[in-house]
Amino acid sequence: MSSKTKIVVLRMKEIIYTAIFIGLGILLVMLLFVMFRPKKEVPVSSDQVRYIPGVYSVSLTLGSQEVNVEVAVDSNQINSISMVPLSDSVATMYPLVQPSLEHLTAQICQNQSLDNLTYSEETRYTSQVLLSAIERALNKAEVKH
């Protein structure tokens, strides 16, 4: 026999430790790759939160009386708009306020927007004042990004 033959003795414990360390190294590299890869841009969808849920009110002065325009919103939709307290004296002195608000509320709740609203020529100024108050209340409710 030749004297150049070498016999290598490996212990099973050393093989197992080596395999475990190689596995942990591969796992660490994969984890680093997943954590530090470039993030994809997420497009803004209509399902995202637009409003902070709640009831938001804005004070509106009609003559010497003050009424609050209240807008109730969920996280992504306008639920209702109302005037509180609408006393009999305010309703009598300003007869166009309540019908104008009801007409605007129906359109806003249906479209979920203050854009492209229609109102009659007779209620133009009343509707503009109400829209201004509704817009201020919605500005309070909006989520700031």
Protein backbone atom coordinates (compact mmCIF):
# COMPACT_ATOMS: atom_id res chain seq x y z
CA MET A 1 0.00 0.00 0.00
CA SER A 2 1.03 3.47 -0.59
CA SER A 3 1.93 5.80 2.21
CA LYS A 4 0.15 8.73 0.55
CA THR A 5 -3.28 7.58 1.60
CA LYS A 6 -4.88 9.84 4.15
CA ILE A 7 -7.76 8.92 6.31
CA VAL A 8 -10.04 11.73 7.46
CA VAL A 9 -12.20 11.06 10.47
CA LEU A 10 -15.24 13.27 10.88
CA ARG A 11 -17.37 13.21 13.91
CA MET A 12 -21.10 13.29 13.42
CA LYS A 13 -21.38 16.17 15.92
CA GLU A 14 -19.18 18.40 13.71
CA ILE A 15 -21.25 17.63 10.59
CA ILE A 16 -24.52 18.49 12.36
CA TYR A 17 -23.12 21.78 13.74
CA THR A 18 -21.82 22.73 10.29
CA ALA A 19 -25.20 22.00 8.67
CA ILE A 20 -27.03 24.05 11.33
CA PHE A 21 -24.70 27.05 10.86
CA ILE A 22 -25.05 26.89 7.07
CA GLY A 23 -28.86 26.77 7.44
CA LEU A 24 -28.84 29.73 9.84
CA GLY A 25 -26.58 31.67 7.45
CA ILE A 26 -28.95 31.08 4.53
CA LEU A 27 -31.90 32.08 6.70
CA LEU A 28 -30.12 35.27 7.79
CA VAL A 29 -29.30 36.24 4.20
CA MET A 30 -32.93 35.67 3.14
CA LEU A 31 -34.18 37.72 6.08
CA LEU A 32 -31.85 40.61 5.23
CA PHE A 33 -32.95 40.47 1.60
CA VAL A 34 -36.66 40.62 2.54
CA MET A 35 -36.17 43.41 5.08
CA PHE A 36 -34.04 45.74 2.96
CA ARG A 37 -35.42 45.29 -0.54
CA PRO A 38 -36.91 48.43 -2.17
CA LYS A 39 -40.52 49.05 -1.30
CA LYS A 40 -43.17 49.24 -4.01
CA GLU A 41 -45.29 52.37 -4.35
CA VAL A 42 -48.81 51.75 -3.07
CA PRO A 43 -51.42 53.56 -5.19
CA VAL A 44 -54.01 55.59 -3.29
CA SER A 45 -57.34 53.83 -3.43
CA SER A 46 -60.80 55.08 -2.62
CA ASP A 47 -61.03 52.50 0.18
CA GLN A 48 -58.52 54.36 2.30
CA VAL A 49 -59.63 56.44 5.24
CA ARG A 50 -60.77 59.93 4.24
CA TYR A 51 -62.33 61.17 7.48
CA ILE A 52 -61.93 60.71 11.19
CA PRO A 53 -65.30 59.23 12.23
CA GLY A 54 -67.49 61.50 14.31
CA VAL A 55 -69.87 64.45 14.27
CA TYR A 56 -68.32 67.80 13.38
CA SER A 57 -70.11 71.10 13.85
CA VAL A 58 -69.57 74.62 12.59
CA SER A 59 -71.32 77.67 13.96
CA LEU A 60 -73.41 79.66 11.50
CA THR A 61 -74.88 83.05 12.40
CA LEU A 62 -78.32 83.82 10.98
CA GLY A 63 -79.28 87.32 12.04
CA SER A 64 -78.92 87.38 15.81
CA GLN A 65 -79.32 83.59 16.16
CA GLU A 66 -76.53 81.05 15.99
CA VAL A 67 -77.12 77.55 14.70
CA ASN A 68 -74.68 74.71 14.30
CA VAL A 69 -74.30 72.85 11.04
CA GLU A 70 -73.44 69.28 12.03
CA VAL A 71 -71.84 66.80 9.64
CA ALA A 72 -71.69 63.13 10.66
CA VAL A 73 -69.01 61.07 8.91
CA ASP A 74 -67.64 57.54 8.93
CA SER A 75 -64.09 56.72 7.95
CA ASN A 76 -64.80 57.09 4.24
CA GLN A 77 -68.28 58.56 3.76
CA ILE A 78 -70.57 61.42 4.74
CA ASN A 79 -73.61 60.07 6.60
CA SER A 80 -75.76 63.09 7.40
CA ILE A 81 -75.88 66.86 7.61
CA SER A 82 -78.21 68.76 9.94
CA MET A 83 -78.73 72.10 11.67
CA VAL A 84 -79.01 72.16 15.45
CA PRO A 85 -80.86 73.85 17.13
CA LEU A 86 -83.12 75.09 14.38
CA SER A 87 -85.63 77.04 16.41
CA ASP A 88 -89.04 78.11 15.14
CA SER A 89 -87.95 81.75 15.01
CA VAL A 90 -85.00 80.92 12.74
CA ALA A 91 -87.18 78.72 10.53
CA THR A 92 -89.75 81.52 10.28
CA MET A 93 -87.24 84.30 9.60
CA TYR A 94 -85.24 82.22 7.10
CA PRO A 95 -87.72 79.90 5.36
CA LEU A 96 -85.27 78.79 2.67
CA VAL A 97 -82.65 77.41 5.06
CA GLN A 98 -84.23 74.04 5.91
CA PRO A 99 -85.37 73.10 2.35
CA SER A 100 -81.99 74.18 0.95
CA LEU A 101 -80.13 72.10 3.52
CA GLU A 102 -82.29 69.04 2.81
CA HIS A 103 -81.72 69.42 -0.94
CA LEU A 104 -77.95 69.79 -0.50
CA THR A 105 -77.77 66.95 2.02
CA ALA A 106 -79.44 64.53 -0.39
CA GLN A 107 -76.95 65.41 -3.15
CA ILE A 108 -73.88 65.35 -0.90
CA CYS A 109 -74.75 62.02 0.72
CA GLN A 110 -75.45 60.48 -2.68
CA ASN A 111 -72.32 61.80 -4.44
CA GLN A 112 -70.05 61.87 -1.35
CA SER A 113 -68.63 65.10 -2.70
CA LEU A 114 -69.23 68.86 -2.63
CA ASP A 115 -68.53 69.09 -6.36
CA ASN A 116 -71.18 69.52 -9.07
CA LEU A 117 -74.06 70.34 -6.73
CA THR A 118 -77.16 71.95 -8.15
CA TYR A 119 -79.52 74.39 -6.47
CA SER A 120 -82.22 76.74 -7.70
CA GLU A 121 -81.65 80.39 -8.47
CA GLU A 122 -83.97 81.36 -5.59
CA THR A 123 -81.84 79.55 -2.99
CA ARG A 124 -78.45 80.41 -4.49
CA TYR A 125 -77.13 82.57 -1.62
CA THR A 126 -78.61 80.39 1.11
CA SER A 127 -77.09 77.30 -0.50
CA GLN A 128 -73.69 78.97 -0.83
CA VAL A 129 -73.66 79.91 2.87
CA LEU A 130 -74.66 76.36 3.82
CA LEU A 131 -72.03 74.84 1.50
CA SER A 132 -69.37 77.03 3.06
CA ALA A 133 -70.32 75.80 6.53
CA ILE A 134 -70.43 72.16 5.38
CA GLU A 135 -67.02 72.51 3.76
CA ARG A 136 -65.51 73.92 6.97
CA ALA A 137 -66.96 71.01 8.96
CA LEU A 138 -65.58 68.47 6.47
CA ASN A 139 -62.17 70.15 6.64
CA LYS A 140 -62.18 69.46 10.39
CA ALA A 141 -63.05 65.82 9.73
CA GLU A 142 -60.48 65.13 6.99
CA VAL A 143 -57.50 62.94 7.69
CA LYS A 144 -54.33 64.94 7.10
CA HIS A 145 -51.78 62.87 5.12
